[in-house]
Amino acid sequence: MNIKLLKQEAPCIWRMKKYGPMRVDALFFGNKDIILELDDTTVSQVRDVASLTGVVGPVCAMPDAHSGYGFPIGGVGAFDEKRGVISAGGVGFDISCGVRTLTTGLKKQDLITCDAKLADLLFKRIPSGAGVGGDIILEGDQLDEMLLGGASWAIGQGLGKPEDLGRIEGNGRNSFADPDKVPLKAKERMRNQMGSLGSGNHYLEVQYVEEIYDKAKAAAFGIGIEEVVVSIHCGSRGLGHQIAKDYLPMMAKAAPEFGIKLPHKDIACAPLNSELGQDYLGAMGAGINCALANRQAITHLVRECFAEILPQADLRLLYDVSHNTCQREEFKINGKKKNIWVHRKGATRALGPGHPELPSEFKKHGQPVIIGGSMGTASYILSGTTESAEISFSSCCHGAGRIMSRAKARRTFKGNTIQKELGRHGIIIRTGSFKGIAEEAPLAYKDVDMIIESTQAAGIAEKVARLRPLLCIKG
């Protein structure tokens, strides 16, 4: 990547001035090593987003950014409510993929004699793998009710506690969901997948708190040193994938009718105020609710497993946040408050202290931001900052970010070897696919510690705690 295109304007913040068809500037976050490793496709995708109609600048690329479908993964693009567009590629195929973390009240040593037993039970009870479903079958109107109700629906079905809702982004339910706009095939794919992890980079991980960076925030978040937590990373399963698969070609085909000249067909979009744009918005909102309900259902299953093996555990939801969405939010644009639609694809919302959407217990410290590492490496809990609203539309990174394609990872690594190596470091892996482990090998990802340091240096989130894995369930 030609670094001359970028000018560093603050620690770990680099600006690309608009040029050519770009309508706004772009910001890239990361230290110099991260910036130099950016591939040309990622940079050109950022430029493409900055060229779309109604874009409100700057377009952002997080430290974990890498090339994706249309929008880069780790990309943030905001659009004017009246003149802007909405892009299925700007949300991605796994709508509302995200992470939730549960505290347990346990210490690391409490798992010493039962960690393998717990891993076996979690792997048995929580379905994982491509296309694999579970025991929760949605019949008749239940599926549409779930798409409207999100985590609230799940809790109404006995799959959680009412107090969970206050610890979920948007209180567990997206209001603009419209199940009628979800393709029938997408619904069919979801009928038996509620409460399942899926495959790819999704996981369920039992972790412990290795280090605390901010004692006051950690206390407010309910976490302490050596304490055990559970993190769940998954999304809307086959439903979200099918929504993107169906709407992307519709948007690409209709673009000329809207007078939209696409830089690339993968970045297909439609005006927000068009019928097609509103149809996708309704379907995408339903996909968000699906993911929130899915993580809630998995939470219920996790609680059941812990109750059976470690009955003294008290699993409470710390927070649940998505990183593949488009949401209507209010920001100051040129000094005036304005409603805009923020696409976050592989980027996490990171609301700062005092934000009205935060629960009262987080108002002083900012939103808990959960960042998953690659399999076998550290994960982090961060907090949102006030500055991020001015810099990155209250957004930060979402994980480590791939540096190696899945195909190359399969050629390079052997899943059973990785499982044994992690086992020697005290990390138990349970999986139904050694191929999946090879694809998710730690060396296929960027250095998550460097990602987090860059995120903090840029001022868009702050470190609270570092987590280490004890056992991991993979698809």
Protein backbone atom coordinates (compact mmCIF):
# COMPACT_ATOMS: atom_id res chain seq x y z
CA MET A 1 0.00 0.00 0.00
CA ASN A 2 1.31 3.44 -0.93
CA ILE A 3 1.61 5.14 2.47
CA LYS A 4 2.04 8.49 0.70
CA LEU A 5 -1.75 8.49 0.26
CA LEU A 6 -2.10 8.81 4.03
CA LYS A 7 -0.99 11.57 6.38
CA GLN A 8 -0.69 10.89 10.09
CA GLU A 9 -2.56 13.54 12.04
CA ALA A 10 -2.58 12.02 15.55
CA PRO A 11 -1.28 8.87 17.27
CA CYS A 12 -2.62 5.90 15.28
CA ILE A 13 -4.88 8.11 13.14
CA TRP A 14 -4.12 8.58 9.43
CA ARG A 15 -6.14 10.67 7.01
CA MET A 16 -6.66 10.12 3.31
CA LYS A 17 -7.85 13.36 1.77
CA LYS A 18 -10.68 12.95 -0.68
CA TYR A 19 -9.62 12.75 -4.29
CA GLY A 20 -11.08 11.53 -7.57
CA PRO A 21 -14.68 10.33 -7.02
CA MET A 22 -14.38 10.43 -3.22
CA ARG A 23 -16.97 12.73 -1.63
CA VAL A 24 -15.41 12.70 1.86
CA ASP A 25 -12.08 11.97 3.53
CA ALA A 26 -11.21 8.59 5.01
CA LEU A 27 -9.55 7.81 8.34
CA PHE A 28 -7.38 4.76 8.95
CA PHE A 29 -6.61 3.69 12.50
CA GLY A 30 -3.48 1.81 13.53
CA ASN A 31 0.21 2.14 14.20
CA LYS A 32 2.64 2.38 11.30
CA ASP A 33 3.12 -1.39 11.10
CA ILE A 34 -0.65 -1.93 10.75
CA ILE A 35 -0.94 0.77 8.10
CA LEU A 36 1.95 -0.65 6.07
CA GLU A 37 0.31 -4.08 6.09
CA LEU A 38 -2.94 -2.79 4.55
CA ASP A 39 -3.56 -4.42 1.19
CA ASP A 40 -4.58 -2.43 -1.88
CA THR A 41 -8.05 -4.02 -2.01
CA THR A 42 -8.90 -2.80 1.49
CA VAL A 43 -7.79 0.73 0.67
CA SER A 44 -9.72 0.80 -2.62
CA GLN A 45 -12.85 -0.48 -0.83
CA VAL A 46 -12.56 2.38 1.66
CA ARG A 47 -12.31 4.81 -1.28
CA ASP A 48 -15.39 3.19 -2.87
CA VAL A 49 -17.45 3.72 0.28
CA ALA A 50 -16.28 7.34 0.43
CA SER A 51 -17.59 7.78 -3.15
CA LEU A 52 -21.19 6.73 -2.48
CA THR A 53 -24.15 9.10 -2.66
CA GLY A 54 -25.01 10.92 0.57
CA VAL A 55 -21.98 9.69 2.50
CA VAL A 56 -21.18 11.69 5.64
CA GLY A 57 -17.48 11.72 6.34
CA PRO A 58 -15.14 10.48 7.25
CA VAL A 59 -15.29 6.82 6.23
CA CYS A 60 -13.29 4.85 8.79
CA ALA A 61 -11.09 1.75 8.64
CA MET A 62 -10.39 0.21 12.04
CA PRO A 63 -7.00 -1.28 13.03
CA ASP A 64 -8.33 -4.78 12.26
CA ALA A 65 -9.54 -3.78 8.77
CA HIS A 66 -9.13 -6.14 5.85
CA SER A 67 -10.86 -6.65 2.53
CA GLY A 68 -14.44 -7.90 2.49
CA TYR A 69 -17.43 -8.06 0.16
CA GLY A 70 -18.02 -4.49 -1.04
CA PHE A 71 -17.23 -2.72 2.23
CA PRO A 72 -14.01 -3.65 4.00
CA ILE A 73 -14.37 -5.64 7.19
CA GLY A 74 -13.50 -3.20 9.92
CA GLY A 75 -15.18 -0.42 7.94
CA VAL A 76 -17.56 2.32 9.10
CA GLY A 77 -19.62 4.39 6.69
CA ALA A 78 -22.31 6.90 7.68
CA PHE A 79 -25.02 8.25 5.38
CA ASP A 80 -27.43 11.16 5.36
CA GLU A 81 -30.97 10.13 6.22
CA LYS A 82 -32.55 11.95 3.26
CA ARG A 83 -29.89 11.74 0.54
CA GLY A 84 -27.92 8.68 1.54
CA VAL A 85 -27.92 5.00 0.64
CA ILE A 86 -28.05 1.70 2.46
CA SER A 87 -25.87 -1.19 1.36
CA ALA A 88 -26.29 -4.89 2.06
CA GLY A 89 -22.54 -5.19 1.55
CA GLY A 90 -22.02 -2.52 4.18
CA VAL A 91 -23.68 -4.74 6.77
CA GLY A 92 -22.40 -8.07 5.51
CA PHE A 93 -23.65 -11.62 5.22
CA ASP A 94 -23.72 -12.34 8.95
CA ILE A 95 -26.18 -9.66 10.03
CA SER A 96 -25.69 -8.60 13.65
CA CYS A 97 -22.83 -10.97 14.28
CA GLY A 98 -21.61 -9.91 17.68
CA VAL A 99 -20.30 -10.88 21.09
CA ARG A 100 -21.85 -11.13 24.51
CA THR A 101 -19.95 -11.81 27.71
CA LEU A 102 -21.31 -13.34 30.91
CA THR A 103 -19.74 -13.09 34.33
CA THR A 104 -19.92 -16.23 36.47
CA GLY A 105 -18.81 -15.35 40.01
CA LEU A 106 -16.24 -18.15 39.73
CA LYS A 107 -12.45 -18.05 39.93
CA LYS A 108 -10.08 -19.77 37.53
CA GLN A 109 -9.18 -22.41 40.13
CA ASP A 110 -12.84 -23.44 40.42
CA LEU A 111 -12.58 -25.06 36.98
CA ILE A 112 -9.37 -27.05 37.55
CA THR A 113 -11.08 -30.39 38.26
CA CYS A 114 -14.01 -30.05 35.85
CA ASP A 115 -12.82 -28.05 32.83
CA ALA A 116 -12.85 -31.03 30.44
CA LYS A 117 -16.25 -32.14 31.72
CA LEU A 118 -17.63 -28.65 31.22
CA ALA A 119 -16.16 -28.45 27.71
CA ASP A 120 -17.75 -31.79 26.80
CA LEU A 121 -21.18 -30.72 28.08
CA LEU A 122 -21.11 -27.33 26.35
CA PHE A 123 -20.07 -28.99 23.08
CA LYS A 124 -22.88 -31.53 23.45
CA ARG A 125 -25.66 -29.08 24.36
CA ILE A 126 -24.85 -26.12 22.10
CA PRO A 127 -25.01 -27.01 18.40
CA SER A 128 -22.07 -25.85 16.31
CA GLY A 129 -20.97 -26.27 12.72
CA ALA A 130 -22.10 -25.19 9.25
CA GLY A 131 -25.83 -25.78 8.79
CA VAL A 132 -26.15 -27.58 12.12
CA GLY A 133 -29.39 -26.94 14.00
CA GLY A 134 -30.63 -27.78 17.46
CA ASP A 135 -33.67 -28.68 19.51
CA ILE A 136 -35.37 -25.26 19.36
CA ILE A 137 -37.71 -25.51 16.37
CA LEU A 138 -39.72 -22.46 15.32
CA GLU A 139 -43.14 -23.43 14.00
CA GLY A 140 -45.89 -21.37 12.38
CA ASP A 141 -45.96 -17.76 13.58
CA GLN A 142 -43.14 -18.30 16.07
CA LEU A 143 -40.46 -17.38 13.57
CA ASP A 144 -42.03 -14.02 12.69
CA GLU A 145 -42.59 -13.36 16.40
CA MET A 146 -38.89 -13.99 17.00
CA LEU A 147 -37.93 -11.68 14.13
CA LEU A 148 -40.04 -8.93 15.69
CA GLY A 149 -39.10 -9.52 19.31
CA GLY A 150 -35.41 -10.38 19.33
CA ALA A 151 -34.00 -11.18 22.76
CA SER A 152 -37.28 -10.02 24.32
CA TRP A 153 -39.04 -12.84 22.47
CA ALA A 154 -36.45 -15.35 23.69
CA ILE A 155 -36.85 -14.27 27.30
CA GLY A 156 -40.63 -14.52 26.88
CA GLN A 157 -40.06 -18.15 25.87
CA GLY A 158 -38.20 -18.82 29.10
CA LEU A 159 -34.74 -18.50 27.53
CA GLY A 160 -33.33 -15.90 29.86
CA LYS A 161 -33.91 -13.36 32.59
CA PRO A 162 -35.76 -10.02 32.18
CA GLU A 163 -32.74 -8.21 33.64
CA ASP A 164 -30.67 -9.41 30.68
CA LEU A 165 -32.38 -6.91 28.38
CA GLY A 166 -30.83 -3.81 29.92
CA ARG A 167 -27.37 -5.23 29.13
CA ILE A 168 -28.05 -5.73 25.42
CA GLU A 169 -27.49 -3.11 22.73
CA GLY A 170 -30.88 -1.56 21.93
CA ASN A 171 -32.43 -3.38 24.92
CA GLY A 172 -32.47 -6.58 22.93
CA ARG A 173 -34.86 -5.58 20.18
CA ASN A 174 -34.60 -3.63 16.93
CA SER A 175 -37.69 -1.51 16.23
CA PHE A 176 -37.52 -1.28 12.42
CA ALA A 177 -37.63 -5.04 11.82
CA ASP A 178 -40.18 -6.19 9.21
CA PRO A 179 -40.45 -10.00 8.92
CA ASP A 180 -42.52 -9.63 5.74
CA LYS A 181 -39.41 -8.34 3.95
CA VAL A 182 -37.34 -11.41 4.90
CA PRO A 183 -37.10 -13.91 2.01
CA LEU A 184 -38.95 -17.18 2.60
CA LYS A 185 -35.77 -19.17 2.01
CA ALA A 186 -34.05 -17.19 4.77
CA LYS A 187 -36.84 -18.07 7.18
CA GLU A 188 -36.69 -21.72 6.22
CA ARG A 189 -32.95 -21.81 6.91
CA MET A 190 -33.57 -20.48 10.44
CA ARG A 191 -36.36 -22.78 11.60
CA ASN A 192 -34.04 -25.20 13.41
CA GLN A 193 -30.98 -22.98 13.99
CA MET A 194 -32.06 -20.98 17.03
CA GLY A 195 -29.56 -21.45 19.85
CA SER A 196 -26.69 -22.57 17.59
CA LEU A 197 -23.18 -21.18 17.02
CA GLY A 198 -22.60 -21.93 13.34
CA SER A 199 -19.09 -22.18 11.92
CA GLY A 200 -16.27 -19.93 10.70
CA ASN A 201 -14.91 -17.58 13.35
CA HIS A 202 -17.85 -18.15 15.69
CA TYR A 203 -17.16 -19.62 19.10
CA LEU A 204 -18.20 -20.07 22.68
CA GLU A 205 -15.24 -19.48 24.98
CA VAL A 206 -14.80 -19.85 28.73
CA GLN A 207 -12.12 -17.35 29.74
CA TYR A 208 -10.52 -15.83 32.81
CA VAL A 209 -9.53 -12.25 33.53
CA GLU A 210 -5.77 -12.15 33.17
CA GLU A 211 -5.18 -8.44 33.69
CA ILE A 212 -7.12 -5.38 34.82
CA TYR A 213 -6.14 -2.00 33.36
CA ASP A 214 -8.82 0.20 34.97
CA LYS A 215 -10.00 -0.97 38.40
CA ALA A 216 -12.93 1.45 38.64
CA LYS A 217 -14.37 0.46 35.27
CA ALA A 218 -13.74 -3.24 35.90
CA ALA A 219 -15.64 -2.98 39.18
CA ALA A 220 -18.53 -1.21 37.44
CA PHE A 221 -18.56 -3.96 34.80
CA GLY A 222 -18.53 -6.65 37.50
CA ILE A 223 -15.20 -8.27 36.66
CA GLY A 224 -12.12 -8.97 38.77
CA ILE A 225 -8.73 -10.57 38.37
CA GLU A 226 -8.73 -14.36 37.80
CA GLU A 227 -12.54 -14.37 37.50
CA VAL A 228 -14.16 -16.68 34.95
CA VAL A 229 -16.32 -15.26 32.17
CA VAL A 230 -18.07 -16.77 29.15
CA SER A 231 -18.05 -15.09 25.73
CA ILE A 232 -20.42 -16.03 22.90
CA HIS A 233 -19.59 -14.93 19.35
CA CYS A 234 -22.18 -15.65 16.66
CA GLY A 235 -24.88 -13.98 14.57
CA SER A 236 -28.05 -14.52 12.57
CA ARG A 237 -26.97 -17.83 11.05
CA GLY A 238 -28.46 -18.84 7.68
CA LEU A 239 -31.18 -16.20 7.88
CA GLY A 240 -28.79 -13.25 7.77
CA HIS A 241 -26.69 -14.87 5.06
CA GLN A 242 -29.73 -15.43 2.85
CA ILE A 243 -30.99 -11.86 3.31
CA ALA A 244 -27.67 -10.50 2.01
CA LYS A 245 -27.51 -13.08 -0.77
CA ASP A 246 -30.97 -12.10 -2.05
CA TYR A 247 -30.81 -8.32 -1.62
CA LEU A 248 -27.31 -7.70 -3.03
CA PRO A 249 -28.20 -8.65 -6.63
CA MET A 250 -31.47 -6.71 -6.38
CA MET A 251 -29.54 -3.62 -5.36
CA ALA A 252 -26.93 -4.08 -8.08
CA LYS A 253 -29.62 -4.48 -10.75
CA ALA A 254 -31.62 -1.46 -9.57
CA ALA A 255 -28.65 0.91 -9.15
CA PRO A 256 -28.90 2.46 -12.67
CA GLU A 257 -32.60 3.15 -12.12
CA PHE A 258 -31.65 5.20 -9.05
CA GLY A 259 -28.90 7.02 -10.94
CA ILE A 260 -26.26 5.30 -8.82
CA LYS A 261 -22.95 4.53 -10.52
CA LEU A 262 -21.41 1.72 -8.50
CA PRO A 263 -17.59 1.68 -8.19
CA HIS A 264 -17.97 -2.12 -7.98
CA LYS A 265 -21.03 -4.37 -8.07
CA ASP A 266 -20.14 -5.80 -4.64
CA ILE A 267 -20.85 -2.42 -3.08
CA ALA A 268 -24.45 -2.52 -4.33
CA CYS A 269 -26.77 -0.15 -2.52
CA ALA A 270 -30.13 1.62 -2.76
CA PRO A 271 -31.37 5.02 -1.58
CA LEU A 272 -32.48 4.83 2.04
CA ASN A 273 -35.81 6.42 1.17
CA SER A 274 -36.52 4.09 -1.79
CA GLU A 275 -38.87 1.11 -1.59
CA LEU A 276 -35.95 -1.28 -2.07
CA GLY A 277 -33.90 0.51 0.58
CA GLN A 278 -36.77 0.33 3.05
CA ASP A 279 -37.41 -3.34 2.23
CA TYR A 280 -33.78 -4.21 2.96
CA LEU A 281 -33.86 -2.10 6.12
CA GLY A 282 -36.85 -4.09 7.39
CA ALA A 283 -35.21 -7.40 6.52
CA MET A 284 -31.90 -6.36 8.05
CA GLY A 285 -33.66 -5.22 11.23
CA ALA A 286 -35.28 -8.64 11.46
CA GLY A 287 -31.83 -10.18 11.03
CA ILE A 288 -30.56 -8.11 13.96
CA ASN A 289 -33.40 -9.42 16.13
CA CYS A 290 -32.63 -12.96 15.00
CA ALA A 291 -29.01 -12.65 16.14
CA LEU A 292 -30.00 -11.14 19.49
CA ALA A 293 -32.51 -13.94 20.06
CA ASN A 294 -29.91 -16.53 19.04
CA ARG A 295 -27.28 -15.29 21.50
CA GLN A 296 -29.98 -15.15 24.18
CA ALA A 297 -30.97 -18.76 23.52
CA ILE A 298 -27.32 -19.86 23.68
CA THR A 299 -26.97 -17.98 26.97
CA HIS A 300 -29.83 -20.06 28.39
CA LEU A 301 -28.12 -23.27 27.31
CA VAL A 302 -24.81 -22.13 28.81
CA ARG A 303 -26.52 -21.38 32.11
CA GLU A 304 -28.03 -24.85 32.13
CA CYS A 305 -24.61 -26.44 31.57
CA PHE A 306 -22.96 -24.46 34.35
CA ALA A 307 -25.84 -25.24 36.73
CA GLU A 308 -25.28 -28.94 36.15
CA ILE A 309 -21.51 -28.95 36.73
CA LEU A 310 -20.84 -25.79 38.77
CA PRO A 311 -24.13 -25.02 40.57
CA GLN A 312 -22.47 -22.24 42.60
CA ALA A 313 -21.99 -20.19 39.42
CA ASP A 314 -24.13 -17.10 38.91
CA LEU A 315 -24.10 -16.23 35.20
CA ARG A 316 -25.00 -12.59 34.67
CA LEU A 317 -24.89 -10.73 31.37
CA LEU A 318 -22.17 -8.11 31.23
CA TYR A 319 -23.05 -6.79 27.76
CA ASP A 320 -24.03 -7.81 24.23
CA VAL A 321 -22.95 -5.74 21.26
CA SER A 322 -23.15 -6.39 17.51
CA HIS A 323 -20.54 -5.57 14.88
CA ASN A 324 -22.40 -6.08 11.56
CA THR A 325 -25.29 -3.62 11.48
CA CYS A 326 -26.68 -0.36 10.14
CA GLN A 327 -28.34 1.83 12.75
CA ARG A 328 -30.01 5.24 12.89
CA GLU A 329 -28.02 7.41 15.30
CA GLU A 330 -27.59 11.06 16.16
CA PHE A 331 -24.27 12.84 15.74
CA LYS A 332 -23.02 16.37 15.32
CA ILE A 333 -22.31 17.01 11.66
CA ASN A 334 -20.71 20.39 10.93
CA GLY A 335 -21.74 21.56 14.38
CA LYS A 336 -25.40 20.51 14.09
CA LYS A 337 -27.09 17.43 15.53
CA LYS A 338 -28.30 15.20 12.75
CA ASN A 339 -29.79 11.73 12.34
CA ILE A 340 -27.64 9.54 10.11
CA TRP A 341 -27.44 5.83 9.29
CA VAL A 342 -24.18 4.26 10.38
CA HIS A 343 -22.98 1.08 8.69
CA ARG A 344 -20.59 -0.90 10.89
CA LYS A 345 -19.15 -3.96 9.19
CA GLY A 346 -16.72 -5.72 11.48
CA ALA A 347 -16.76 -2.66 13.74
CA THR A 348 -18.22 -2.28 17.22
CA ARG A 349 -20.32 0.53 18.58
CA ALA A 350 -18.47 2.16 21.49
CA LEU A 351 -20.70 4.71 23.22
CA GLY A 352 -18.97 7.13 25.57
CA PRO A 353 -19.80 8.14 29.16
CA GLY A 354 -23.14 9.86 29.63
CA HIS A 355 -24.75 8.51 26.46
CA PRO A 356 -28.55 8.28 26.94
CA GLU A 357 -28.74 4.72 25.60
CA LEU A 358 -26.46 3.31 28.30
CA PRO A 359 -27.79 1.60 31.45
CA SER A 360 -27.37 3.77 34.56
CA GLU A 361 -24.57 1.57 35.92
CA PHE A 362 -22.46 2.30 32.82
CA LYS A 363 -23.25 6.01 32.42
CA LYS A 364 -20.13 7.15 34.26
CA HIS A 365 -17.68 4.84 32.52
CA GLY A 366 -18.98 4.31 28.98
CA GLN A 367 -20.24 1.26 27.15
CA PRO A 368 -18.55 -2.10 27.68
CA VAL A 369 -16.95 -3.03 24.34
CA ILE A 370 -16.16 -6.72 23.89
CA ILE A 371 -13.34 -7.56 21.48
CA GLY A 372 -12.73 -11.20 20.61
CA GLY A 373 -9.24 -12.37 19.74
CA SER A 374 -8.32 -15.23 17.49
CA MET A 375 -8.66 -18.77 18.83
CA GLY A 376 -6.14 -19.35 21.60
CA THR A 377 -5.14 -15.69 22.02
CA ALA A 378 -6.33 -12.92 24.30
CA SER A 379 -9.67 -11.13 24.13
CA TYR A 380 -10.37 -7.72 25.62
CA ILE A 381 -13.03 -5.71 27.35
CA LEU A 382 -12.81 -2.02 26.50
CA SER A 383 -14.94 1.01 27.28
CA GLY A 384 -16.29 3.56 24.85
CA THR A 385 -15.04 7.15 24.89
CA THR A 386 -16.65 10.53 24.39
CA GLU A 387 -13.99 11.32 21.79
CA SER A 388 -15.06 8.42 19.56
CA ALA A 389 -18.29 10.27 18.73
CA GLU A 390 -16.20 13.01 17.14
CA ILE A 391 -13.60 10.76 15.53
CA SER A 392 -15.23 7.51 14.40
CA PHE A 393 -19.02 7.77 14.82
CA SER A 394 -18.67 6.05 18.22
CA SER A 395 -17.04 2.99 16.66
CA CYS A 396 -13.95 0.89 17.29
CA CYS A 397 -12.41 -2.42 16.21
CA HIS A 398 -14.19 -5.78 16.59
CA GLY A 399 -11.40 -8.37 16.75
CA ALA A 400 -7.99 -9.35 15.50
CA GLY A 401 -8.70 -9.18 11.75
CA ARG A 402 -7.56 -11.78 9.25
CA ILE A 403 -4.19 -11.59 7.50
CA MET A 404 -4.52 -14.98 5.80
CA SER A 405 -7.39 -16.30 3.67
CA ARG A 406 -9.27 -19.36 4.86
CA ALA A 407 -7.99 -21.34 1.87
CA LYS A 408 -4.37 -20.45 2.62
CA ALA A 409 -4.87 -21.24 6.31
CA ARG A 410 -6.18 -24.70 5.41
CA ARG A 411 -3.09 -25.28 3.26
CA THR A 412 -0.75 -23.99 5.95
CA PHE A 413 -2.08 -25.48 9.17
CA LYS A 414 -3.47 -28.79 10.43
CA GLY A 415 -6.43 -28.60 12.76
CA ASN A 416 -5.48 -31.54 14.97
CA THR A 417 -1.96 -30.13 15.40
CA ILE A 418 -3.35 -26.76 16.49
CA GLN A 419 -5.70 -28.46 18.94
CA LYS A 420 -2.76 -30.32 20.51
CA GLU A 421 -0.59 -27.18 20.65
CA LEU A 422 -3.31 -25.18 22.37
CA GLY A 423 -3.89 -28.09 24.74
CA ARG A 424 -0.25 -27.90 25.81
CA HIS A 425 -0.94 -24.27 26.79
CA GLY A 426 -3.93 -25.33 28.90
CA ILE A 427 -6.62 -24.45 26.36
CA ILE A 428 -9.23 -27.13 25.69
CA ILE A 429 -10.74 -27.12 22.19
CA ARG A 430 -13.91 -28.99 21.26
CA THR A 431 -14.88 -29.02 17.58
CA GLY A 432 -16.61 -31.07 14.93
CA SER A 433 -14.26 -29.86 12.19
CA PHE A 434 -10.47 -29.90 12.14
CA LYS A 435 -10.73 -27.98 8.86
CA GLY A 436 -12.52 -25.22 10.76
CA ILE A 437 -9.72 -25.09 13.34
CA ALA A 438 -7.12 -24.80 10.58
CA GLU A 439 -9.04 -21.88 9.06
CA GLU A 440 -9.13 -20.15 12.44
CA ALA A 441 -5.51 -20.75 13.43
CA PRO A 442 -4.15 -17.89 15.57
CA LEU A 443 -1.42 -17.14 13.00
CA ALA A 444 -4.11 -16.51 10.37
CA TYR A 445 -4.98 -13.33 12.28
CA LYS A 446 -3.33 -10.05 13.16
CA ASP A 447 -1.79 -9.47 16.57
CA VAL A 448 -4.81 -8.60 18.72
CA ASP A 449 -2.63 -6.85 21.33
CA MET A 450 -1.35 -4.46 18.65
CA ILE A 451 -4.93 -3.85 17.48
CA ILE A 452 -6.02 -2.93 21.00
CA GLU A 453 -3.02 -0.70 21.67
CA SER A 454 -3.73 1.18 18.44
CA THR A 455 -7.40 1.51 19.34
CA GLN A 456 -6.55 3.03 22.71
CA ALA A 457 -3.84 5.28 21.30
CA ALA A 458 -6.35 6.67 18.79
CA GLY A 459 -8.73 7.50 21.64
CA ILE A 460 -11.73 5.58 20.29
CA ALA A 461 -11.88 3.06 23.19
CA GLU A 462 -9.97 2.38 26.38
CA LYS A 463 -8.64 -0.85 27.85
CA VAL A 464 -10.44 -2.26 30.89
CA ALA A 465 -9.44 -5.94 31.05
CA ARG A 466 -7.59 -8.65 29.16
CA LEU A 467 -9.10 -12.15 28.97
CA ARG A 468 -7.40 -15.49 28.35
CA PRO A 469 -9.16 -18.64 27.06
CA LEU A 470 -9.58 -21.78 29.13
CA LEU A 471 -11.80 -23.75 26.80
CA CYS A 472 -13.30 -23.06 23.39
CA ILE A 473 -16.22 -24.59 21.48
CA LYS A 474 -15.85 -24.22 17.69
CA GLY A 475 -18.01 -25.18 14.73
